[in-house]
Amino acid sequence: QVQLVESGGGLVQAGGSLRLSCAASTLTFSSYTMGWFRQAPGKEREFVGSISRSAASTNYADSVKGRFTISRDNAKNTMYLQMNSLKPEDTAVYYCAADLQAGYYYTSNDRTSYDYWGQGTQVTVSS
């Protein structure tokens, strides 16, 4: 069982930045493909981005490409989401997830492929 804990959410003005962290309670963190998803009120959970186990490959939703950056530190069992140029439409609960399917370059935008989820952290962007 893998436990994932997100942190770093909060309230920020449009145009501002936030950095989310996802800490994993597993010694095999480097074996997992990791992803970020978000869910706004009344909407389905949507893909934000994914990073391969090696960090050699990343994949982003079109809505965040060029503004958000995913990274990971396998030595610290932690993944990050740097969010710049935030917009009110980025307001949502952000979740990190771990996928047992993993390859050097493998990423996934399919939420059904992820096996473990965190509890989420709220990000609110004011206009």
Foldseek 3Di string as FASTA:
>chain_A
DKAKAKDWADEEAAQAKTKMKIAIDDLVLLQWKKFKWWDDPPGDIFGAKIAASQSPEMDGDPVQPPFWDWDDDSVRRMIMIIGGRDDQVVWTWMKMFIANDGDNHDIDRDPVRTDDMYPTDTHGYHD
